[in-house]
Amino acid sequence: HGESSRLYRELVHEHQLVSEIMVGTDDRRGPDLFSVFGLVAQGHVPSEVTPIVFAAIERIAREGVTERELGRVRN
């Protein structure tokens, strides 16, 4: 969440493909929906953003999160 999040850094700062990115769930008990919303920057299309989002999710599934990231969440 926020400007220090992986997706924000990658999509807004590094690639400049979106101007805003939001990630969240509906906070339901049991199965839930994980959503990613982004405002695609002028001159770009959603198909440029999608592979980067999926790659980031795959990296987290494969490698997990860092202790630093967990610490930020806890705070």
N, C-alpha and C. Protein backbone atom coordinates (compact mmCIF):
# COMPACT_ATOMS: atom_id res chain seq x y z
N HIS A 1 0.84 -1.17 0.00
CA HIS A 1 0.00 0.00 0.00
C HIS A 1 0.89 1.24 0.00
N GLY A 2 0.50 2.26 -0.74
CA GLY A 2 1.22 3.52 -0.72
C GLY A 2 2.37 3.60 -1.71
N GLU A 3 3.05 4.72 -1.65
CA GLU A 3 4.11 5.00 -2.62
C GLU A 3 5.34 4.12 -2.46
N SER A 4 5.46 3.43 -1.34
CA SER A 4 6.61 2.55 -1.15
C SER A 4 6.30 1.11 -1.56
N SER A 5 5.08 0.84 -2.01
CA SER A 5 4.72 -0.52 -2.39
C SER A 5 5.43 -0.94 -3.68
N ARG A 6 5.56 -2.24 -3.84
CA ARG A 6 6.25 -2.78 -5.02
C ARG A 6 5.61 -2.30 -6.32
N LEU A 7 4.29 -2.46 -6.42
CA LEU A 7 3.62 -2.09 -7.67
C LEU A 7 3.70 -0.59 -7.94
N TYR A 8 3.55 0.21 -6.90
CA TYR A 8 3.64 1.65 -7.09
C TYR A 8 5.03 2.03 -7.61
N ARG A 9 6.05 1.52 -6.95
CA ARG A 9 7.42 1.84 -7.38
C ARG A 9 7.66 1.39 -8.82
N GLU A 10 7.21 0.18 -9.14
CA GLU A 10 7.48 -0.38 -10.46
C GLU A 10 6.65 0.28 -11.56
N LEU A 11 5.36 0.45 -11.33
CA LEU A 11 4.47 0.95 -12.39
C LEU A 11 4.44 2.46 -12.50
N VAL A 12 4.53 3.16 -11.37
CA VAL A 12 4.46 4.63 -11.40
C VAL A 12 5.84 5.23 -11.61
N HIS A 13 6.81 4.83 -10.79
CA HIS A 13 8.13 5.46 -10.87
C HIS A 13 9.01 4.88 -11.98
N GLU A 14 9.17 3.56 -11.96
CA GLU A 14 10.12 2.93 -12.88
C GLU A 14 9.64 2.95 -14.34
N HIS A 15 8.45 2.43 -14.59
CA HIS A 15 7.96 2.32 -15.98
C HIS A 15 7.07 3.48 -16.40
N GLN A 16 6.54 4.23 -15.45
CA GLN A 16 5.65 5.37 -15.71
C GLN A 16 4.47 4.98 -16.60
N LEU A 17 3.90 3.78 -16.31
CA LEU A 17 2.77 3.29 -17.07
C LEU A 17 1.43 3.70 -16.47
N VAL A 18 1.40 3.93 -15.16
CA VAL A 18 0.17 4.35 -14.49
C VAL A 18 0.46 5.57 -13.64
N SER A 19 -0.61 6.33 -13.38
CA SER A 19 -0.45 7.48 -12.50
C SER A 19 -0.89 7.16 -11.08
N GLU A 20 -1.64 6.06 -10.95
CA GLU A 20 -2.11 5.65 -9.63
C GLU A 20 -2.37 4.15 -9.67
N ILE A 21 -2.10 3.48 -8.56
CA ILE A 21 -2.33 2.03 -8.46
C ILE A 21 -2.91 1.73 -7.08
N MET A 22 -3.95 0.90 -7.05
CA MET A 22 -4.59 0.52 -5.79
C MET A 22 -4.78 -0.99 -5.80
N VAL A 23 -4.51 -1.63 -4.67
CA VAL A 23 -4.65 -3.07 -4.53
C VAL A 23 -5.42 -3.34 -3.25
N GLY A 24 -6.32 -4.30 -3.29
CA GLY A 24 -7.04 -4.61 -2.07
C GLY A 24 -7.94 -5.82 -2.21
N THR A 25 -8.61 -6.12 -1.10
CA THR A 25 -9.58 -7.21 -1.05
C THR A 25 -10.88 -6.65 -0.49
N ASP A 26 -11.91 -7.48 -0.49
CA ASP A 26 -13.19 -7.08 0.10
C ASP A 26 -13.25 -7.39 1.58
N ASP A 27 -12.15 -7.95 2.14
CA ASP A 27 -12.05 -8.29 3.56
C ASP A 27 -13.16 -9.23 4.02
N ARG A 28 -13.43 -10.23 3.22
CA ARG A 28 -14.45 -11.21 3.58
C ARG A 28 -13.80 -12.42 4.24
N ARG A 29 -14.54 -13.07 5.07
CA ARG A 29 -14.09 -14.31 5.69
C ARG A 29 -14.21 -15.41 4.64
N GLY A 30 -13.20 -16.25 4.53
CA GLY A 30 -13.22 -17.31 3.53
C GLY A 30 -12.70 -16.80 2.20
N PRO A 31 -13.15 -17.39 1.08
CA PRO A 31 -12.67 -16.94 -0.23
C PRO A 31 -12.96 -15.46 -0.45
N ASP A 32 -12.03 -14.79 -1.07
CA ASP A 32 -12.16 -13.34 -1.26
C ASP A 32 -11.67 -12.97 -2.65
N LEU A 33 -11.88 -11.75 -3.03
CA LEU A 33 -11.45 -11.24 -4.32
C LEU A 33 -10.26 -10.31 -4.11
N PHE A 34 -9.17 -10.57 -4.80
CA PHE A 34 -7.98 -9.71 -4.77
C PHE A 34 -8.05 -8.84 -6.01
N SER A 35 -8.11 -7.52 -5.83
CA SER A 35 -8.29 -6.60 -6.96
C SER A 35 -7.11 -5.66 -7.11
N VAL A 36 -6.78 -5.36 -8.35
CA VAL A 36 -5.75 -4.37 -8.67
C VAL A 36 -6.39 -3.36 -9.61
N PHE A 37 -6.37 -2.10 -9.21
CA PHE A 37 -6.92 -1.02 -10.01
C PHE A 37 -5.82 -0.03 -10.32
N GLY A 38 -5.74 0.39 -11.56
CA GLY A 38 -4.74 1.38 -11.93
C GLY A 38 -5.29 2.39 -12.92
N LEU A 39 -4.80 3.60 -12.82
CA LEU A 39 -5.13 4.63 -13.80
C LEU A 39 -3.98 4.68 -14.80
N VAL A 40 -4.24 4.17 -15.98
CA VAL A 40 -3.19 4.08 -17.00
C VAL A 40 -2.79 5.48 -17.45
N ALA A 41 -1.50 5.72 -17.49
CA ALA A 41 -0.97 7.03 -17.87
C ALA A 41 -1.25 7.30 -19.35
N GLN A 42 -1.38 8.57 -19.65
CA GLN A 42 -1.63 8.99 -21.03
C GLN A 42 -0.53 8.45 -21.94
N GLY A 43 -0.95 7.93 -23.09
CA GLY A 43 0.00 7.40 -24.04
C GLY A 43 0.30 5.91 -23.85
N HIS A 44 -0.34 5.29 -22.85
CA HIS A 44 -0.14 3.87 -22.58
C HIS A 44 -1.49 3.16 -22.61
N VAL A 45 -1.44 1.84 -22.67
CA VAL A 45 -2.65 1.03 -22.71
C VAL A 45 -2.58 -0.04 -21.62
N PRO A 46 -3.75 -0.53 -21.16
CA PRO A 46 -3.76 -1.54 -20.09
C PRO A 46 -2.94 -2.78 -20.40
N SER A 47 -2.86 -3.17 -21.65
CA SER A 47 -2.11 -4.38 -21.99
C SER A 47 -0.62 -4.25 -21.70
N GLU A 48 -0.12 -3.04 -21.50
CA GLU A 48 1.27 -2.84 -21.09
C GLU A 48 1.44 -3.08 -19.59
N VAL A 49 0.38 -2.84 -18.84
CA VAL A 49 0.43 -2.91 -17.38
C VAL A 49 0.22 -4.34 -16.88
N THR A 50 -0.71 -5.05 -17.48
CA THR A 50 -1.10 -6.37 -17.01
C THR A 50 0.06 -7.34 -16.80
N PRO A 51 0.98 -7.49 -17.76
CA PRO A 51 2.07 -8.45 -17.54
C PRO A 51 2.96 -8.10 -16.35
N ILE A 52 3.14 -6.82 -16.08
CA ILE A 52 3.98 -6.40 -14.96
C ILE A 52 3.29 -6.72 -13.64
N VAL A 53 1.97 -6.52 -13.58
CA VAL A 53 1.21 -6.84 -12.37
C VAL A 53 1.28 -8.34 -12.10
N PHE A 54 1.02 -9.16 -13.12
CA PHE A 54 1.06 -10.60 -12.94
C PHE A 54 2.47 -11.08 -12.57
N ALA A 55 3.49 -10.50 -13.14
CA ALA A 55 4.87 -10.89 -12.81
C ALA A 55 5.18 -10.56 -11.35
N ALA A 56 4.71 -9.42 -10.87
CA ALA A 56 4.94 -9.04 -9.47
C ALA A 56 4.24 -10.02 -8.52
N ILE A 57 3.01 -10.40 -8.86
CA ILE A 57 2.28 -11.36 -8.03
C ILE A 57 2.98 -12.71 -8.04
N GLU A 58 3.44 -13.13 -9.19
CA GLU A 58 4.16 -14.41 -9.30
C GLU A 58 5.45 -14.40 -8.48
N ARG A 59 6.18 -13.25 -8.49
CA ARG A 59 7.41 -13.14 -7.69
C ARG A 59 7.11 -13.28 -6.21
N ILE A 60 6.03 -12.64 -5.76
CA ILE A 60 5.67 -12.73 -4.34
C ILE A 60 5.27 -14.16 -3.99
N ALA A 61 4.53 -14.82 -4.86
CA ALA A 61 4.12 -16.21 -4.60
C ALA A 61 5.34 -17.13 -4.54
N ARG A 62 6.32 -16.87 -5.38
CA ARG A 62 7.51 -17.72 -5.47
C ARG A 62 8.52 -17.40 -4.37
N GLU A 63 8.76 -16.11 -4.11
CA GLU A 63 9.84 -15.70 -3.21
C GLU A 63 9.35 -15.22 -1.85
N GLY A 64 8.07 -14.91 -1.73
CA GLY A 64 7.54 -14.37 -0.48
C GLY A 64 7.84 -12.88 -0.36
N VAL A 65 7.57 -12.34 0.80
CA VAL A 65 7.84 -10.93 1.07
C VAL A 65 9.05 -10.82 1.98
N THR A 66 9.68 -9.66 1.98
CA THR A 66 10.87 -9.46 2.80
C THR A 66 10.48 -9.11 4.24
N GLU A 67 11.42 -9.25 5.14
CA GLU A 67 11.20 -8.86 6.54
C GLU A 67 10.89 -7.37 6.63
N ARG A 68 11.53 -6.59 5.79
CA ARG A 68 11.29 -5.14 5.80
C ARG A 68 9.85 -4.83 5.41
N GLU A 69 9.35 -5.53 4.37
CA GLU A 69 7.96 -5.32 3.96
C GLU A 69 6.99 -5.72 5.07
N LEU A 70 7.27 -6.84 5.72
CA LEU A 70 6.41 -7.26 6.83
C LEU A 70 6.43 -6.25 7.97
N GLY A 71 7.58 -5.69 8.23
CA GLY A 71 7.69 -4.66 9.27
C GLY A 71 6.87 -3.43 8.95
N ARG A 72 6.87 -3.01 7.69
CA ARG A 72 6.06 -1.85 7.29
C ARG A 72 4.58 -2.14 7.47
N VAL A 73 4.16 -3.36 7.14
CA VAL A 73 2.75 -3.73 7.29
C VAL A 73 2.36 -3.72 8.75
N ARG A 74 3.22 -4.25 9.59
CA ARG A 74 2.93 -4.30 11.03
C ARG A 74 2.81 -2.91 11.64
N ASN A 75 3.61 -1.99 11.14
CA ASN A 75 3.56 -0.61 11.67
C ASN A 75 2.34 0.09 11.18
